[in-house]
C-alpha atoms as a PDB file:
ATOM      1  CA  MET A   1      -6.440   1.282  16.123  1.00  0.00           C
ATOM      2  CA  SER A   2      -5.483  -1.637  18.386  1.00  0.00           C
ATOM      3  CA  GLN A   3      -3.155  -4.461  17.393  1.00  0.00           C
ATOM      4  CA  ALA A   4      -6.117  -6.863  17.296  1.00  0.00           C
ATOM      5  CA  GLU A   5      -8.023  -4.541  14.930  1.00  0.00           C
ATOM      6  CA  VAL A   6      -4.975  -4.295  12.659  1.00  0.00           C
ATOM      7  CA  ASP A   7      -4.617  -8.087  12.642  1.00  0.00           C
ATOM      8  CA  ASP A   8      -8.324  -8.554  11.865  1.00  0.00           C
ATOM      9  CA  THR A   9      -8.208  -6.001   9.052  1.00  0.00           C
ATOM     10  CA  LEU A  10      -5.127  -7.595   7.477  1.00  0.00           C
ATOM     11  CA  LYS A  11      -6.715 -11.030   7.747  1.00  0.00           C
ATOM     12  CA  ARG A  12      -9.898  -9.802   6.020  1.00  0.00           C
ATOM     13  CA  ILE A  13      -7.862  -8.210   3.230  1.00  0.00           C
ATOM     14  CA  GLN A  14      -5.793 -11.375   2.695  1.00  0.00           C
ATOM     15  CA  GLU A  15      -9.003 -13.415   2.382  1.00  0.00           C
ATOM     16  CA  HIS A  16     -10.260 -11.360  -0.577  1.00  0.00           C
ATOM     17  CA  LYS A  17     -10.124 -13.197  -3.872  1.00  0.00           C
ATOM     18  CA  GLY A  18      -6.976 -12.403  -5.831  1.00  0.00           C
ATOM     19  CA  VAL A  19      -5.027 -10.749  -3.002  1.00  0.00           C
ATOM     20  CA  GLN A  20      -1.433 -11.909  -3.224  1.00  0.00           C
ATOM     21  CA  GLY A  21       0.036  -9.914  -0.385  1.00  0.00           C
ATOM     22  CA  SER A  22      -0.139  -6.856   1.794  1.00  0.00           C
ATOM     23  CA  LEU A  23       2.321  -4.662   3.562  1.00  0.00           C
ATOM     24  CA  ILE A  24       2.318  -1.727   5.925  1.00  0.00           C
ATOM     25  CA  ILE A  25       5.216   0.725   5.944  1.00  0.00           C
ATOM     26  CA  ASN A  26       5.930   3.684   8.194  1.00  0.00           C
ATOM     27  CA  ASN A  27       6.646   7.211   6.973  1.00  0.00           C
ATOM     28  CA  ASP A  28      10.328   6.354   6.531  1.00  0.00           C
ATOM     29  CA  GLY A  29       9.434   3.493   4.183  1.00  0.00           C
ATOM     30  CA  ILE A  30      10.374   0.858   6.754  1.00  0.00           C
ATOM     31  CA  PRO A  31       8.131  -2.222   6.653  1.00  0.00           C
ATOM     32  CA  ILE A  32       6.094  -2.727   9.804  1.00  0.00           C
ATOM     33  CA  ARG A  33       4.017  -5.747   8.695  1.00  0.00           C
ATOM     34  CA  SER A  34       4.135  -7.836   5.551  1.00  0.00           C
ATOM     35  CA  SER A  35       2.791 -11.059   4.125  1.00  0.00           C
ATOM     36  CA  LEU A  36       5.391 -10.945   1.331  1.00  0.00           C
ATOM     37  CA  ASP A  37       8.861 -12.460   1.418  1.00  0.00           C
ATOM     38  CA  SER A  38      11.692 -10.281   2.694  1.00  0.00           C
ATOM     39  CA  SER A  39      13.152  -9.208  -0.669  1.00  0.00           C
ATOM     40  CA  LEU A  40       9.758  -8.307  -2.170  1.00  0.00           C
ATOM     41  CA  THR A  41       8.824  -6.474   1.018  1.00  0.00           C
ATOM     42  CA  GLN A  42      11.957  -4.323   0.828  1.00  0.00           C
ATOM     43  CA  GLN A  43      11.507  -3.670  -2.891  1.00  0.00           C
ATOM     44  CA  TYR A  44       7.849  -2.665  -2.664  1.00  0.00           C
ATOM     45  CA  ALA A  45       8.428  -0.626   0.495  1.00  0.00           C
ATOM     46  CA  ALA A  46      11.161   1.494  -1.093  1.00  0.00           C
ATOM     47  CA  LEU A  47       9.597   1.952  -4.514  1.00  0.00           C
ATOM     48  CA  ILE A  48       6.009   2.576  -3.404  1.00  0.00           C
ATOM     49  CA  LYS A  49       7.178   4.993  -0.689  1.00  0.00           C
ATOM     50  CA  SER A  50       8.998   7.044  -3.323  1.00  0.00           C
ATOM     51  CA  LEU A  51       6.052   6.934  -5.730  1.00  0.00           C
ATOM     52  CA  SER A  52       3.585   7.813  -2.984  1.00  0.00           C
ATOM     53  CA  ASP A  53       5.665  10.833  -1.936  1.00  0.00           C
ATOM     54  CA  LYS A  54       5.789  12.065  -5.537  1.00  0.00           C
ATOM     55  CA  ALA A  55       2.049  11.546  -6.037  1.00  0.00           C
ATOM     56  CA  ARG A  56       1.283  13.386  -2.780  1.00  0.00           C
ATOM     57  CA  SER A  57       3.534  16.260  -3.857  1.00  0.00           C
ATOM     58  CA  ALA A  58       1.915  16.443  -7.314  1.00  0.00           C
ATOM     59  CA  ILE A  59      -1.573  16.635  -5.805  1.00  0.00           C
ATOM     60  CA  ARG A  60      -0.504  19.443  -3.452  1.00  0.00           C
ATOM     61  CA  ASP A  61       1.185  21.314  -6.322  1.00  0.00           C
ATOM     62  CA  ILE A  62      -2.024  21.132  -8.344  1.00  0.00           C
ATOM     63  CA  ASP A  63      -4.247  22.134  -5.407  1.00  0.00           C
ATOM     64  CA  PRO A  64      -2.663  23.004  -2.030  1.00  0.00           C
ATOM     65  CA  THR A  65      -6.003  22.390  -0.290  1.00  0.00           C
ATOM     66  CA  ASN A  66      -6.256  18.821  -1.599  1.00  0.00           C
ATOM     67  CA  GLU A  67      -4.713  15.646  -0.226  1.00  0.00           C
ATOM     68  CA  LEU A  68      -3.840  12.212  -1.639  1.00  0.00           C
ATOM     69  CA  VAL A  69      -5.897   9.521   0.104  1.00  0.00           C
ATOM     70  CA  PHE A  70      -5.642   6.486  -2.202  1.00  0.00           C
ATOM     71  CA  PHE A  71      -4.249   5.414  -5.544  1.00  0.00           C
ATOM     72  CA  ARG A  72      -4.295   2.283  -7.665  1.00  0.00           C
ATOM     73  CA  MET A  73      -1.940   1.065 -10.358  1.00  0.00           C
ATOM     74  CA  ARG A  74      -2.719  -1.764 -12.722  1.00  0.00           C
ATOM     75  CA  THR A  75      -0.091  -3.736 -14.590  1.00  0.00           C
ATOM     76  CA  LYS A  76      -0.384  -6.855 -16.737  1.00  0.00           C
ATOM     77  CA  LYS A  77       0.307  -9.055 -13.695  1.00  0.00           C
ATOM     78  CA  HIS A  78      -0.852  -7.108 -10.635  1.00  0.00           C
ATOM     79  CA  GLU A  79      -2.948  -4.348  -9.302  1.00  0.00           C
ATOM     80  CA  ILE A  80      -1.224  -2.329  -6.585  1.00  0.00           C
ATOM     81  CA  LEU A  81      -3.488  -0.511  -4.148  1.00  0.00           C
ATOM     82  CA  VAL A  82      -1.904   2.200  -2.007  1.00  0.00           C
ATOM     83  CA  ALA A  83      -3.524   3.961   0.938  1.00  0.00           C
ATOM     84  CA  PRO A  84      -1.170   6.551   2.453  1.00  0.00           C
ATOM     85  CA  GLU A  85      -2.045   7.820   5.934  1.00  0.00           C
ATOM     86  CA  LYS A  86      -0.334  10.226   8.324  1.00  0.00           C
ATOM     87  CA  GLU A  87       1.784   7.626  10.146  1.00  0.00           C
ATOM     88  CA  TYR A  88       1.814   4.684   7.751  1.00  0.00           C
ATOM     89  CA  THR A  89       1.029   3.494   4.230  1.00  0.00           C
ATOM     90  CA  MET A  90      -0.828   0.319   3.389  1.00  0.00           C
ATOM     91  CA  ILE A  91      -0.014  -1.491   0.150  1.00  0.00           C
ATOM     92  CA  VAL A  92      -2.017  -4.418  -1.254  1.00  0.00           C
ATOM     93  CA  LEU A  93      -1.049  -6.550  -4.246  1.00  0.00           C
ATOM     94  CA  GLN A  94      -3.699  -8.455  -6.099  1.00  0.00           C
ATOM     95  CA  ALA A  95      -3.884 -10.436  -9.303  1.00  0.00           C
ATOM     96  CA  THR A  96      -5.415  -8.682 -12.298  1.00  0.00           C
ATOM     97  CA  ASP A  97      -6.942 -11.859 -13.728  1.00  0.00           C
ATOM     98  CA  VAL A  98      -9.368 -12.599 -10.889  1.00  0.00           C
ATOM     99  CA  SER A  99     -12.681 -13.941 -12.183  1.00  0.00           C
END
């Protein structure tokens, strides 16, 4: 995927109603791109990387032929969408009260 395609995709995601931020991290949990402030970026990068690794491991333990491709968590304030790939993970935060 080219840089322009990545930029276009991130722009489209940010324009969706209720999206509060997005971030892309590499396999080491290091932020590559983020629309969040620095402290939130670091916090989400570290915590979601750890959670994603555990979820991926749990899926493989249950069925070694299966693979984690996406997961969603909903809290009272946010919905966190996580799409782990081979070289990066995309994380999107959106409000839960979008009408």
